[in-house]
Amino acid sequence: MNRKMLIASLLAAGLALAPAAPALAAPDGEDYAKLLLGLLAVGAIANALENERERERAAERARNRPTDWRDHDDRGHGRRGARTLPERCAFEVRTDRGWRSVFGRACLEREGVRVSRLPERCEFDVRTERGRRSVFGEQCLRDYGYRVEAGRR
């Protein structure tokens, strides 16, 4: 049973087993303490759920991060030990946030780059005059440690 299910089960059990409090004409200090304790319990559960979400996001980032530093270009472009991408595969696309530099998936495959090892997070589709194309964002790839061949930026 994962942590989310355990927390949800405990919360449900607590609500089901809590005795129904009789209505009081005027709440006293004990009622305020119970209310505060209940709010603290809800806050602790919400905090535990957020921590679980953050652990899941960290695990996803770790799964998408390449683990080796070998050259991904089998044709010998770039230097050994560096993750370099061929400049000729880079082009600009217009997005709703302005112009963005990307690498075409088909071009990278033609150039011998093992695209299956590139981070999935960096891949997205764009519309071009040739139809939809799968591309990788340059800045995203740079964030993962990839470089563009010498001569470009």
C-alpha atoms as a PDB file:
ATOM      1  CA  MET A   1       0.000   0.000   0.000  1.00  0.00           C
ATOM      2  CA  ASN A   2       1.502   3.330  -0.950  1.00  0.00           C
ATOM      3  CA  ARG A   3       1.637   6.338   1.296  1.00  0.00           C
ATOM      4  CA  LYS A   4      -1.274   8.182  -0.363  1.00  0.00           C
ATOM      5  CA  MET A   5      -3.622   5.263   0.188  1.00  0.00           C
ATOM      6  CA  LEU A   6      -2.531   4.948   3.819  1.00  0.00           C
ATOM      7  CA  ILE A   7      -3.106   8.650   4.531  1.00  0.00           C
ATOM      8  CA  ALA A   8      -6.486   8.625   2.795  1.00  0.00           C
ATOM      9  CA  SER A   9      -7.541   5.505   4.731  1.00  0.00           C
ATOM     10  CA  LEU A  10      -6.504   7.025   8.072  1.00  0.00           C
ATOM     11  CA  LEU A  11      -8.355  10.245   7.308  1.00  0.00           C
ATOM     12  CA  ALA A  12     -11.510   8.356   6.309  1.00  0.00           C
ATOM     13  CA  ALA A  13     -11.336   6.171   9.439  1.00  0.00           C
ATOM     14  CA  GLY A  14     -10.869   9.201  11.671  1.00  0.00           C
ATOM     15  CA  LEU A  15     -13.856  10.965  10.194  1.00  0.00           C
ATOM     16  CA  ALA A  16     -16.024   7.845  10.409  1.00  0.00           C
ATOM     17  CA  LEU A  17     -15.143   7.062  14.030  1.00  0.00           C
ATOM     18  CA  ALA A  18     -15.387  10.627  15.339  1.00  0.00           C
ATOM     19  CA  PRO A  19     -18.421  10.969  17.612  1.00  0.00           C
ATOM     20  CA  ALA A  20     -21.014  13.478  16.544  1.00  0.00           C
ATOM     21  CA  ALA A  21     -20.647  16.461  18.854  1.00  0.00           C
ATOM     22  CA  PRO A  22     -23.841  17.907  20.306  1.00  0.00           C
ATOM     23  CA  ALA A  23     -24.600  21.447  19.290  1.00  0.00           C
ATOM     24  CA  LEU A  24     -23.583  23.943  21.953  1.00  0.00           C
ATOM     25  CA  ALA A  25     -25.048  27.364  22.482  1.00  0.00           C
ATOM     26  CA  ALA A  26     -21.640  28.970  22.982  1.00  0.00           C
ATOM     27  CA  PRO A  27     -18.317  27.318  22.153  1.00  0.00           C
ATOM     28  CA  ASP A  28     -15.816  27.177  24.994  1.00  0.00           C
ATOM     29  CA  GLY A  29     -12.029  26.914  24.977  1.00  0.00           C
ATOM     30  CA  GLU A  30     -12.121  23.132  24.621  1.00  0.00           C
ATOM     31  CA  ASP A  31     -14.080  23.426  21.361  1.00  0.00           C
ATOM     32  CA  TYR A  32     -11.510  25.835  19.959  1.00  0.00           C
ATOM     33  CA  ALA A  33      -8.720  23.432  20.911  1.00  0.00           C
ATOM     34  CA  LYS A  34     -10.493  20.588  19.102  1.00  0.00           C
ATOM     35  CA  LEU A  35     -10.963  22.773  16.037  1.00  0.00           C
ATOM     36  CA  LEU A  36      -7.305  23.782  16.066  1.00  0.00           C
ATOM     37  CA  LEU A  37      -6.218  20.158  16.486  1.00  0.00           C
ATOM     38  CA  GLY A  38      -8.398  19.141  13.533  1.00  0.00           C
ATOM     39  CA  LEU A  39      -6.935  21.880  11.341  1.00  0.00           C
ATOM     40  CA  LEU A  40      -3.414  20.809  12.306  1.00  0.00           C
ATOM     41  CA  ALA A  41      -4.227  17.203  11.332  1.00  0.00           C
ATOM     42  CA  VAL A  42      -5.561  18.300   7.931  1.00  0.00           C
ATOM     43  CA  GLY A  43      -2.442  20.432   7.412  1.00  0.00           C
ATOM     44  CA  ALA A  44      -0.163  17.518   8.267  1.00  0.00           C
ATOM     45  CA  ILE A  45      -1.967  15.274   5.783  1.00  0.00           C
ATOM     46  CA  ALA A  46      -1.767  17.924   3.046  1.00  0.00           C
ATOM     47  CA  ASN A  47       1.957  18.366   3.759  1.00  0.00           C
ATOM     48  CA  ALA A  48       2.553  14.609   3.539  1.00  0.00           C
ATOM     49  CA  LEU A  49       0.746  14.463   0.184  1.00  0.00           C
ATOM     50  CA  GLU A  50       2.815  17.358  -1.185  1.00  0.00           C
ATOM     51  CA  ASN A  51       6.031  15.655  -0.032  1.00  0.00           C
ATOM     52  CA  GLU A  52       4.947  12.490  -1.843  1.00  0.00           C
ATOM     53  CA  ARG A  53       4.277  14.470  -5.045  1.00  0.00           C
ATOM     54  CA  GLU A  54       7.715  16.075  -4.829  1.00  0.00           C
ATOM     55  CA  ARG A  55       9.377  12.667  -4.424  1.00  0.00           C
ATOM     56  CA  GLU A  56       7.505  11.426  -7.504  1.00  0.00           C
ATOM     57  CA  ARG A  57       8.645  14.479  -9.516  1.00  0.00           C
ATOM     58  CA  ALA A  58      12.255  13.945  -8.395  1.00  0.00           C
ATOM     59  CA  ALA A  59      12.081  10.289  -9.403  1.00  0.00           C
ATOM     60  CA  GLU A  60      10.699  11.298 -12.833  1.00  0.00           C
ATOM     61  CA  ARG A  61      13.551  13.784 -13.322  1.00  0.00           C
ATOM     62  CA  ALA A  62      16.073  11.099 -12.361  1.00  0.00           C
ATOM     63  CA  ARG A  63      14.537   8.612 -14.839  1.00  0.00           C
ATOM     64  CA  ASN A  64      14.767  11.129 -17.693  1.00  0.00           C
ATOM     65  CA  ARG A  65      18.333  12.221 -16.943  1.00  0.00           C
ATOM     66  CA  PRO A  66      20.899  10.390 -19.074  1.00  0.00           C
ATOM     67  CA  THR A  67      23.270   8.349 -16.943  1.00  0.00           C
ATOM     68  CA  ASP A  68      26.307   8.008 -19.162  1.00  0.00           C
ATOM     69  CA  TRP A  69      28.559  10.645 -20.658  1.00  0.00           C
ATOM     70  CA  ARG A  70      29.527   8.845 -23.836  1.00  0.00           C
ATOM     71  CA  ASP A  71      29.221  10.556 -27.181  1.00  0.00           C
ATOM     72  CA  HIS A  72      25.722  10.092 -28.587  1.00  0.00           C
ATOM     73  CA  ASP A  73      26.855  10.686 -32.136  1.00  0.00           C
ATOM     74  CA  ASP A  74      28.074   7.444 -33.736  1.00  0.00           C
ATOM     75  CA  ARG A  75      29.496   9.127 -36.841  1.00  0.00           C
ATOM     76  CA  GLY A  76      32.281  10.821 -34.905  1.00  0.00           C
ATOM     77  CA  HIS A  77      30.915  14.367 -34.833  1.00  0.00           C
ATOM     78  CA  GLY A  78      32.030  16.262 -31.767  1.00  0.00           C
ATOM     79  CA  ARG A  79      34.524  15.121 -29.162  1.00  0.00           C
ATOM     80  CA  ARG A  80      34.604  11.901 -27.230  1.00  0.00           C
ATOM     81  CA  GLY A  81      33.200  12.270 -23.725  1.00  0.00           C
ATOM     82  CA  ALA A  82      30.956  15.189 -24.663  1.00  0.00           C
ATOM     83  CA  ARG A  83      27.291  15.017 -25.513  1.00  0.00           C
ATOM     84  CA  THR A  84      27.277  17.091 -28.673  1.00  0.00           C
ATOM     85  CA  LEU A  85      24.460  17.610 -31.137  1.00  0.00           C
ATOM     86  CA  PRO A  86      24.968  18.491 -34.814  1.00  0.00           C
ATOM     87  CA  GLU A  87      24.431  22.164 -35.595  1.00  0.00           C
ATOM     88  CA  ARG A  88      22.843  21.359 -38.976  1.00  0.00           C
ATOM     89  CA  CYS A  89      19.810  19.818 -37.203  1.00  0.00           C
ATOM     90  CA  ALA A  90      18.971  23.030 -35.330  1.00  0.00           C
ATOM     91  CA  PHE A  91      16.309  25.415 -36.558  1.00  0.00           C
ATOM     92  CA  GLU A  92      14.000  28.062 -35.120  1.00  0.00           C
ATOM     93  CA  VAL A  93      10.274  27.644 -34.551  1.00  0.00           C
ATOM     94  CA  ARG A  94       7.736  30.231 -33.514  1.00  0.00           C
ATOM     95  CA  THR A  95       5.799  29.433 -30.353  1.00  0.00           C
ATOM     96  CA  ASP A  96       3.315  31.392 -28.288  1.00  0.00           C
ATOM     97  CA  ARG A  97       6.302  32.547 -26.188  1.00  0.00           C
ATOM     98  CA  GLY A  98       8.353  33.724 -29.160  1.00  0.00           C
ATOM     99  CA  TRP A  99      11.028  32.096 -31.292  1.00  0.00           C
ATOM    100  CA  ARG A 100      12.632  28.944 -29.937  1.00  0.00           C
ATOM    101  CA  SER A 101      15.663  26.970 -31.108  1.00  0.00           C
ATOM    102  CA  VAL A 102      14.981  23.247 -31.571  1.00  0.00           C
ATOM    103  CA  PHE A 103      16.527  20.104 -33.066  1.00  0.00           C
ATOM    104  CA  GLY A 104      14.542  17.981 -35.516  1.00  0.00           C
ATOM    105  CA  ARG A 105      14.175  14.343 -34.467  1.00  0.00           C
ATOM    106  CA  ALA A 106      14.496  12.974 -38.017  1.00  0.00           C
ATOM    107  CA  CYS A 107      17.650  14.998 -38.672  1.00  0.00           C
ATOM    108  CA  LEU A 108      19.237  13.852 -35.409  1.00  0.00           C
ATOM    109  CA  GLU A 109      18.501  10.230 -36.341  1.00  0.00           C
ATOM    110  CA  ARG A 110      20.037  10.748 -39.811  1.00  0.00           C
ATOM    111  CA  GLU A 111      23.145  12.223 -38.191  1.00  0.00           C
ATOM    112  CA  GLY A 112      23.567   9.177 -35.973  1.00  0.00           C
ATOM    113  CA  VAL A 113      22.394  10.613 -32.657  1.00  0.00           C
ATOM    114  CA  ARG A 114      20.675   8.025 -30.491  1.00  0.00           C
ATOM    115  CA  VAL A 115      17.463   9.940 -29.896  1.00  0.00           C
ATOM    116  CA  SER A 116      16.146   7.203 -27.620  1.00  0.00           C
ATOM    117  CA  ARG A 117      18.728   8.396 -25.078  1.00  0.00           C
ATOM    118  CA  LEU A 118      17.695  12.040 -25.236  1.00  0.00           C
ATOM    119  CA  PRO A 119      15.454  13.244 -22.384  1.00  0.00           C
ATOM    120  CA  GLU A 120      11.779  12.644 -23.157  1.00  0.00           C
ATOM    121  CA  ARG A 121      10.909  15.884 -21.387  1.00  0.00           C
ATOM    122  CA  CYS A 122      12.677  17.875 -24.101  1.00  0.00           C
ATOM    123  CA  GLU A 123      10.638  16.394 -26.955  1.00  0.00           C
ATOM    124  CA  PHE A 124       7.475  18.000 -28.328  1.00  0.00           C
ATOM    125  CA  ASP A 125       5.621  18.387 -31.630  1.00  0.00           C
ATOM    126  CA  VAL A 126       5.496  21.518 -33.772  1.00  0.00           C
ATOM    127  CA  ARG A 127       3.572  22.446 -36.906  1.00  0.00           C
ATOM    128  CA  THR A 128       5.685  23.403 -39.893  1.00  0.00           C
ATOM    129  CA  GLU A 129       4.992  23.970 -43.573  1.00  0.00           C
ATOM    130  CA  ARG A 130       5.825  20.259 -43.994  1.00  0.00           C
ATOM    131  CA  GLY A 131       3.298  19.156 -41.366  1.00  0.00           C
ATOM    132  CA  ARG A 132       3.807  18.070 -37.747  1.00  0.00           C
ATOM    133  CA  ARG A 133       7.384  17.337 -36.704  1.00  0.00           C
ATOM    134  CA  SER A 134       8.844  15.955 -33.529  1.00  0.00           C
ATOM    135  CA  VAL A 135      11.587  18.207 -32.134  1.00  0.00           C
ATOM    136  CA  PHE A 136      13.776  18.599 -29.050  1.00  0.00           C
ATOM    137  CA  GLY A 137      14.112  21.995 -27.340  1.00  0.00           C
ATOM    138  CA  GLU A 138      17.693  23.269 -27.388  1.00  0.00           C
ATOM    139  CA  GLN A 139      17.565  24.949 -23.976  1.00  0.00           C
ATOM    140  CA  CYS A 140      16.067  21.834 -22.379  1.00  0.00           C
ATOM    141  CA  LEU A 141      18.846  19.686 -23.875  1.00  0.00           C
ATOM    142  CA  ARG A 142      21.450  22.167 -22.617  1.00  0.00           C
ATOM    143  CA  ASP A 143      19.935  21.885 -19.138  1.00  0.00           C
ATOM    144  CA  TYR A 144      20.569  18.131 -19.349  1.00  0.00           C
ATOM    145  CA  GLY A 145      24.218  18.680 -20.298  1.00  0.00           C
ATOM    146  CA  TYR A 146      24.090  18.469 -24.108  1.00  0.00           C
ATOM    147  CA  ARG A 147      26.087  20.855 -26.292  1.00  0.00           C
ATOM    148  CA  VAL A 148      25.768  22.058 -29.851  1.00  0.00           C
ATOM    149  CA  GLU A 149      28.697  21.475 -32.202  1.00  0.00           C
ATOM    150  CA  ALA A 150      31.294  24.226 -32.219  1.00  0.00           C
ATOM    151  CA  GLY A 151      30.297  27.210 -34.314  1.00  0.00           C
ATOM    152  CA  ARG A 152      26.764  27.618 -32.942  1.00  0.00           C
ATOM    153  CA  ARG A 153      26.151  29.748 -29.862  1.00  0.00           C
END
